[in-house]
Amino acid sequence: MADKTTYKDDLPRAQVAELLDDLADELRGEGPATVAVGNKRVTLSPDAQISYDLTVAERSPMLKGKREEISLELGWRVPQDQSQDRD
């Protein structure tokens, strides 16, 4: 089964930085990581090795002006001892 929780919004720059700091703090810790997704909190089980994919796109469409975008994708296998707890 695959569960997916998404959240998209336009936020002030400082608030986005705070959300990223919170995510980084959770990843620095040991054991489960609790992540805010809008008004919901999701508890994840990151492994010691995490796949990290960062993409930066810069576009200059003629009508809408210059646009920049960062996409960050993190992924990992749930450690064996924690995957059994979720079943």
C-alpha atoms as a PDB file:
ATOM      1  CA  MET A   1       0.000   0.000   0.000  1.00  0.00           C
ATOM      2  CA  ALA A   2       1.269   3.484  -0.821  1.00  0.00           C
ATOM      3  CA  ASP A   3       0.106   6.509   1.136  1.00  0.00           C
ATOM      4  CA  LYS A   4       0.854   9.990  -0.163  1.00  0.00           C
ATOM      5  CA  THR A   5       0.330  13.277   1.670  1.00  0.00           C
ATOM      6  CA  THR A   6       0.964  16.535  -0.187  1.00  0.00           C
ATOM      7  CA  TYR A   7       0.889  20.227   0.652  1.00  0.00           C
ATOM      8  CA  LYS A   8       1.435  23.200  -1.639  1.00  0.00           C
ATOM      9  CA  ASP A   9       1.257  26.889  -0.744  1.00  0.00           C
ATOM     10  CA  ASP A  10       2.835  30.304  -1.336  1.00  0.00           C
ATOM     11  CA  LEU A  11       4.644  31.238   1.875  1.00  0.00           C
ATOM     12  CA  PRO A  12       7.001  33.992   2.999  1.00  0.00           C
ATOM     13  CA  ARG A  13      10.659  33.206   2.416  1.00  0.00           C
ATOM     14  CA  ALA A  14      11.422  33.100   6.173  1.00  0.00           C
ATOM     15  CA  GLN A  15       8.629  30.578   6.792  1.00  0.00           C
ATOM     16  CA  VAL A  16       9.926  28.301   4.025  1.00  0.00           C
ATOM     17  CA  ALA A  17      13.409  28.464   5.573  1.00  0.00           C
ATOM     18  CA  GLU A  18      11.925  27.533   8.958  1.00  0.00           C
ATOM     19  CA  LEU A  19      10.124  24.517   7.466  1.00  0.00           C
ATOM     20  CA  LEU A  20      13.368  23.356   5.841  1.00  0.00           C
ATOM     21  CA  ASP A  21      15.234  23.846   9.147  1.00  0.00           C
ATOM     22  CA  ASP A  22      12.612  21.719  10.917  1.00  0.00           C
ATOM     23  CA  LEU A  23      13.024  18.976   8.310  1.00  0.00           C
ATOM     24  CA  ALA A  24      16.821  19.097   8.646  1.00  0.00           C
ATOM     25  CA  ASP A  25      16.565  18.861  12.447  1.00  0.00           C
ATOM     26  CA  GLU A  26      14.382  15.766  12.158  1.00  0.00           C
ATOM     27  CA  LEU A  27      16.855  14.125   9.750  1.00  0.00           C
ATOM     28  CA  ARG A  28      19.783  14.896  12.086  1.00  0.00           C
ATOM     29  CA  GLY A  29      18.093  13.043  14.925  1.00  0.00           C
ATOM     30  CA  GLU A  30      18.120   9.329  15.605  1.00  0.00           C
ATOM     31  CA  GLY A  31      15.129   7.089  15.000  1.00  0.00           C
ATOM     32  CA  PRO A  32      11.825   8.245  13.527  1.00  0.00           C
ATOM     33  CA  ALA A  33      11.428  11.701  11.957  1.00  0.00           C
ATOM     34  CA  THR A  34       8.167  13.614  12.273  1.00  0.00           C
ATOM     35  CA  VAL A  35       7.528  15.897   9.311  1.00  0.00           C
ATOM     36  CA  ALA A  36       4.912  18.650   8.968  1.00  0.00           C
ATOM     37  CA  VAL A  37       2.849  18.384   5.772  1.00  0.00           C
ATOM     38  CA  GLY A  38       0.465  21.311   5.941  1.00  0.00           C
ATOM     39  CA  ASN A  39      -1.656  20.872   9.068  1.00  0.00           C
ATOM     40  CA  LYS A  40      -0.800  17.149   9.312  1.00  0.00           C
ATOM     41  CA  ARG A  41       2.255  15.496  10.872  1.00  0.00           C
ATOM     42  CA  VAL A  42       3.702  12.340   9.319  1.00  0.00           C
ATOM     43  CA  THR A  43       6.175  10.095  11.133  1.00  0.00           C
ATOM     44  CA  LEU A  44       8.820   8.525   8.881  1.00  0.00           C
ATOM     45  CA  SER A  45      11.659   6.069   9.480  1.00  0.00           C
ATOM     46  CA  PRO A  46      14.733   7.367   7.629  1.00  0.00           C
ATOM     47  CA  ASP A  47      17.670   5.006   7.151  1.00  0.00           C
ATOM     48  CA  ALA A  48      21.302   5.985   7.747  1.00  0.00           C
ATOM     49  CA  GLN A  49      21.799   6.362   3.951  1.00  0.00           C
ATOM     50  CA  ILE A  50      19.459   8.760   2.139  1.00  0.00           C
ATOM     51  CA  SER A  51      19.150   9.299  -1.605  1.00  0.00           C
ATOM     52  CA  TYR A  52      19.431  13.057  -2.311  1.00  0.00           C
ATOM     53  CA  ASP A  53      18.320  14.601  -5.624  1.00  0.00           C
ATOM     54  CA  LEU A  54      18.412  18.397  -6.043  1.00  0.00           C
ATOM     55  CA  THR A  55      17.354  20.062  -9.287  1.00  0.00           C
ATOM     56  CA  VAL A  56      17.490  23.792 -10.075  1.00  0.00           C
ATOM     57  CA  ALA A  57      15.592  25.118 -13.104  1.00  0.00           C
ATOM     58  CA  GLU A  58      15.946  28.642 -14.490  1.00  0.00           C
ATOM     59  CA  ARG A  59      13.461  29.733 -17.147  1.00  0.00           C
ATOM     60  CA  SER A  60      12.963  32.931 -19.077  1.00  0.00           C
ATOM     61  CA  PRO A  61       9.621  32.703 -20.882  1.00  0.00           C
ATOM     62  CA  MET A  62       8.973  35.699 -23.105  1.00  0.00           C
ATOM     63  CA  LEU A  63       5.599  36.656 -21.618  1.00  0.00           C
ATOM     64  CA  LYS A  64       5.744  35.755 -17.919  1.00  0.00           C
ATOM     65  CA  GLY A  65       9.236  36.897 -16.964  1.00  0.00           C
ATOM     66  CA  LYS A  66      12.081  34.961 -15.400  1.00  0.00           C
ATOM     67  CA  ARG A  67      11.220  32.058 -13.074  1.00  0.00           C
ATOM     68  CA  GLU A  68      13.434  29.887 -10.884  1.00  0.00           C
ATOM     69  CA  GLU A  69      12.542  26.618  -9.196  1.00  0.00           C
ATOM     70  CA  ILE A  70      14.231  24.158  -6.846  1.00  0.00           C
ATOM     71  CA  SER A  71      13.053  20.568  -6.541  1.00  0.00           C
ATOM     72  CA  LEU A  72      14.343  18.396  -3.712  1.00  0.00           C
ATOM     73  CA  GLU A  73      13.699  14.684  -3.480  1.00  0.00           C
ATOM     74  CA  LEU A  74      14.851  12.516  -0.578  1.00  0.00           C
ATOM     75  CA  GLY A  75      14.344   8.779  -0.401  1.00  0.00           C
ATOM     76  CA  TRP A  76      15.424   5.773   1.653  1.00  0.00           C
ATOM     77  CA  ARG A  77      14.577   2.232   2.537  1.00  0.00           C
ATOM     78  CA  VAL A  78      12.800   1.823   5.856  1.00  0.00           C
ATOM     79  CA  PRO A  79      15.156  -0.023   8.209  1.00  0.00           C
ATOM     80  CA  GLN A  80      14.099  -3.663   8.643  1.00  0.00           C
ATOM     81  CA  ASP A  81      13.361  -3.421  12.386  1.00  0.00           C
ATOM     82  CA  GLN A  82      11.087  -0.375  11.856  1.00  0.00           C
ATOM     83  CA  SER A  83       9.221  -1.665   8.786  1.00  0.00           C
ATOM     84  CA  GLN A  84       7.774  -4.523  10.840  1.00  0.00           C
ATOM     85  CA  ASP A  85       6.372  -2.016  13.370  1.00  0.00           C
ATOM     86  CA  ARG A  86       4.243  -0.390  10.646  1.00  0.00           C
ATOM     87  CA  ASP A  87       2.565  -3.582   9.392  1.00  0.00           C
END
